[in-house]
């Protein structure tokens, strides 16, 4: 078992949430489940892309907040687009690659080039990339690269 495991609190939707996340991330599996009252799933341990999570049906007392989010590193625009579409369905899009899924869990869908552009030694280039990102909801890699290169500038 991994040393630190995210523990996610749901209000009766553990099984639905786990199944959504497993459908979004192909490298996933159910590790274990525990039944609750009436045969519903009370808790589940599952793995997404090698990361284990524990999910628990704890009730309406606690809810997710964007102060904690799942950061997903993406290599291509197609991956960003696919994850964004699946995770934001029934949820809410936010700024700069952030969204909340239908259960209220926050996700950052971030292409690996973004931190490279923002950390570029050429601070003007990095600043242009930052300004472009600040105007986006879902991150557009090509638009970031154009902005960083100064294309479209007067």
Protein backbone atom coordinates (compact mmCIF):
# COMPACT_ATOMS: atom_id res chain seq x y z
CA UNK A 1 0.00 0.00 0.00
CA UNK A 2 1.26 3.48 -0.81
CA UNK A 3 2.26 5.60 2.16
CA UNK A 4 -0.11 8.52 1.43
CA UNK A 5 -3.51 7.94 -0.19
CA UNK A 6 -6.09 10.62 -1.02
CA UNK A 7 -9.33 9.94 0.90
CA UNK A 8 -12.38 11.33 -0.87
CA UNK A 9 -15.71 11.94 0.92
CA UNK A 10 -18.93 11.54 -1.09
CA UNK A 11 -22.62 11.81 -0.31
CA UNK A 12 -23.92 8.44 -1.50
CA UNK A 13 -22.16 8.52 -4.87
CA UNK A 14 -18.96 6.52 -4.30
CA UNK A 15 -19.78 3.85 -6.84
CA UNK A 16 -20.91 6.31 -9.52
CA UNK A 17 -17.86 8.55 -8.98
CA UNK A 18 -15.43 5.64 -9.01
CA UNK A 19 -16.97 4.29 -12.21
CA UNK A 20 -16.74 7.71 -13.88
CA UNK A 21 -13.07 8.11 -12.95
CA UNK A 22 -12.31 4.56 -14.12
CA UNK A 23 -13.98 5.31 -17.47
CA UNK A 24 -11.91 8.49 -17.87
CA UNK A 25 -8.52 6.97 -17.03
CA UNK A 26 -7.87 3.72 -18.95
CA UNK A 27 -5.14 2.52 -16.57
CA UNK A 28 -7.46 1.95 -13.62
CA UNK A 29 -8.72 -0.81 -11.41
CA UNK A 30 -10.86 -1.49 -8.36
CA UNK A 31 -8.72 -2.64 -5.45
CA UNK A 32 -11.53 -3.33 -2.98
CA UNK A 33 -15.04 -2.30 -1.99
CA UNK A 34 -17.05 -2.44 1.22
CA UNK A 35 -20.83 -2.72 1.38
CA UNK A 36 -22.92 -0.30 3.37
CA UNK A 37 -26.55 -0.16 4.50
CA UNK A 38 -29.00 -1.70 2.06
CA UNK A 39 -26.24 -3.20 -0.06
CA UNK A 40 -25.00 0.12 -1.43
CA UNK A 41 -21.26 0.62 -1.70
CA UNK A 42 -19.99 2.32 1.47
CA UNK A 43 -16.35 2.64 0.46
CA UNK A 44 -14.00 1.75 -2.33
CA UNK A 45 -10.30 1.69 -2.93
CA UNK A 46 -9.41 2.17 -6.56
CA UNK A 47 -6.40 3.02 -8.65
CA UNK A 48 -6.13 5.58 -11.46
CA UNK A 49 -2.91 5.68 -13.47
CA UNK A 50 -1.04 4.00 -10.60
CA UNK A 51 -2.39 6.33 -7.88
CA UNK A 52 -4.62 4.78 -5.23
CA UNK A 53 -7.65 6.58 -3.85
CA UNK A 54 -10.04 5.70 -1.06
CA UNK A 55 -13.62 6.91 -1.49
CA UNK A 56 -16.19 6.90 1.30
CA UNK A 57 -19.92 7.58 1.42
CA UNK A 58 -19.86 9.82 4.48
CA UNK A 59 -22.99 11.85 3.83
CA UNK A 60 -23.72 15.51 3.19
CA UNK A 61 -21.77 16.89 6.17
CA UNK A 62 -18.56 17.59 4.25
CA UNK A 63 -18.11 18.74 0.66
CA UNK A 64 -15.19 19.24 -1.69
CA UNK A 65 -13.51 22.61 -2.05
CA UNK A 66 -11.13 23.83 -4.78
CA UNK A 67 -8.48 24.19 -2.07
CA UNK A 68 -7.64 20.56 -2.90
CA UNK A 69 -7.52 19.41 -6.51
CA UNK A 70 -6.32 16.53 -8.66
CA UNK A 71 -3.52 17.72 -10.95
CA UNK A 72 -3.42 15.74 -14.20
CA UNK A 73 -0.34 16.10 -16.38
CA UNK A 74 -1.24 15.79 -20.08
CA UNK A 75 1.12 15.34 -23.02
CA UNK A 76 -1.17 16.28 -25.92
CA UNK A 77 -4.07 18.56 -26.76
CA UNK A 78 -6.16 15.48 -27.54
CA UNK A 79 -5.59 14.23 -23.98
CA UNK A 80 -6.49 17.65 -22.54
CA UNK A 81 -9.64 17.78 -24.68
CA UNK A 82 -10.77 14.25 -23.77
CA UNK A 83 -10.20 14.60 -20.02
CA UNK A 84 -11.77 18.07 -19.98
CA UNK A 85 -14.91 16.88 -21.76
CA UNK A 86 -15.40 13.80 -19.60
CA UNK A 87 -14.62 15.35 -16.23
CA UNK A 88 -16.46 18.63 -16.74
CA UNK A 89 -19.68 16.96 -17.94
CA UNK A 90 -22.34 17.84 -15.35
CA UNK A 91 -19.78 19.89 -13.44
CA UNK A 92 -18.36 23.39 -13.87
CA UNK A 93 -15.52 24.79 -15.93
CA UNK A 94 -13.25 27.28 -14.27
CA UNK A 95 -10.16 29.25 -15.31
CA UNK A 96 -6.60 28.24 -16.18
CA UNK A 97 -7.23 24.52 -16.71
CA UNK A 98 -9.37 24.00 -13.60
CA UNK A 99 -12.78 22.35 -13.47
CA UNK A 100 -15.09 20.74 -10.94
CA UNK A 101 -16.61 17.39 -11.81
CA UNK A 102 -20.28 16.59 -11.16
CA UNK A 103 -19.40 15.53 -7.61
CA UNK A 104 -17.64 18.82 -6.80
CA UNK A 105 -14.08 17.44 -6.93
CA UNK A 106 -11.66 19.92 -8.51
CA UNK A 107 -9.29 18.86 -11.27
CA UNK A 108 -6.45 20.68 -13.00
CA UNK A 109 -6.06 19.42 -16.57
CA UNK A 110 -2.62 20.75 -17.41
CA UNK A 111 -0.45 20.09 -20.47
CA UNK A 112 3.18 19.40 -19.55
CA UNK A 113 4.31 22.34 -21.70
CA UNK A 114 2.52 24.88 -19.48
CA UNK A 115 4.95 24.82 -16.53
CA UNK A 116 7.86 24.82 -19.01
CA UNK A 117 6.53 27.95 -20.73
CA UNK A 118 5.72 29.68 -17.44
CA UNK A 119 9.21 28.89 -16.12
CA UNK A 120 11.07 29.92 -19.28
CA UNK A 121 14.27 31.88 -18.62
CA UNK A 122 13.00 34.49 -21.09
CA UNK A 123 10.64 36.24 -18.67
CA UNK A 124 8.86 38.15 -21.46
CA UNK A 125 8.07 34.86 -23.20
CA UNK A 126 6.89 33.40 -19.88
CA UNK A 127 4.77 36.50 -19.24
CA UNK A 128 3.07 36.20 -22.63
CA UNK A 129 2.30 32.54 -21.91
CA UNK A 130 0.92 33.51 -18.49
CA UNK A 131 -1.34 36.19 -19.98
CA UNK A 132 -2.65 33.71 -22.55
CA UNK A 133 -3.33 31.09 -19.86
CA UNK A 134 -5.19 33.61 -17.70
CA UNK A 135 -7.67 34.10 -20.55
CA UNK A 136 -8.39 30.38 -20.94
CA UNK A 137 -10.67 27.89 -19.29
CA UNK A 138 -9.49 24.68 -20.98
CA UNK A 139 -5.81 25.06 -21.85
CA UNK A 140 -5.08 25.39 -25.57
CA UNK A 141 -1.48 24.29 -26.21
CA UNK A 142 -1.18 25.86 -29.68
CA UNK A 143 -2.51 29.21 -28.41
CA UNK A 144 -0.04 29.12 -25.50
CA UNK A 145 2.86 28.43 -27.86
CA UNK A 146 1.77 31.23 -30.23
CA UNK A 147 1.50 33.66 -27.32
CA UNK A 148 4.87 32.65 -25.90
CA UNK A 149 6.46 33.15 -29.32
CA UNK A 150 4.92 36.63 -29.51
CA UNK A 151 2.76 35.79 -32.53
CA UNK A 152 -0.21 38.09 -32.91
CA UNK A 153 1.60 40.89 -31.02
CA UNK A 154 1.75 44.35 -32.58
